[in-house]
Amino acid sequence: MNTIRLALFAAGSLALAGCTSLSRVDLPDSSGWDDVFSRDLSNAECAKPGWAWDKDGYLTPGTSETLFSKKDYRNFILDVAYVMDPTANSGIFLYDTKHPTHKFEIQILDDANPVYGDEVPYQNTGAIYGRCAPKKVATKPAGELNRMTCWCRGTKVRVVVNGEEVIDADLADWKDPLVNPDGTSVPGWHRGFPALSTIPTKGRVGFQGRHENTGVVVKYVRIAPLY
């Protein structure tokens, strides 16, 4: 596994209260990194029948169940390439500990689709779902290849979508379980969840399955340590 220096995270990481954003980002070459989900899925956990690699080499959901890594990760860079179905609504779970509320989700959405015209900003692609809105929507349309890269070091989280930084946040700023640092209330289905500042900063990576008969096919999910 390649060693990725903290400088990659620190360059452009402001980690102010709430969420901030920078501009265009030079992304690392992840081709030599470890695959979170191997071709035989022996390092993955999912209800059966579930996910499978198709003939075109894409990891494809056959279920609404989330595909989780068996391994826990701390201090890492995650690089994901994916293609959305029209109206796709998915996400990547980070720091999952098998506790139902000790995790957070980076949202994936077919943002341009009219069915999502009423979505609030913290439901757009790249958001820390329900907690922090992306500074901009950088999604390519359904059917096109998108790339999302997430830097996670302790409570600090940075998300880049298609080369545009959309999130630069510190989970330590989320001290109230019901109110986000920008004053917005968490969605109703997050009530009962702990404040993000209190969750473990080590856990599984998960990719959400099909949602209302639409989904996301995944070209790769790669990971490298961040020191």
Foldseek 3Di string as FASTA:
>chain_A
DDEDEQVLVVVFFPADQAWDFDWFDDDDDQPPFDFLADQVRPQKDWDPPFWHQDPVQWIATPDQIKIKGNDKDAFKKKKWKKAWDVQAKKWKWHLDPVPPQQIWTQIDGQCPHPVCVPPDQCRAGRHRRQAHGFPDHPDDHHPDMKMKMWGAHWQWIWIDIRRTTGTTHGLLSQQDQAAYSVGDGGDPVSPVHHRSNPHGRMGMMIIGHGDPNIHMIINTIGMDHYD
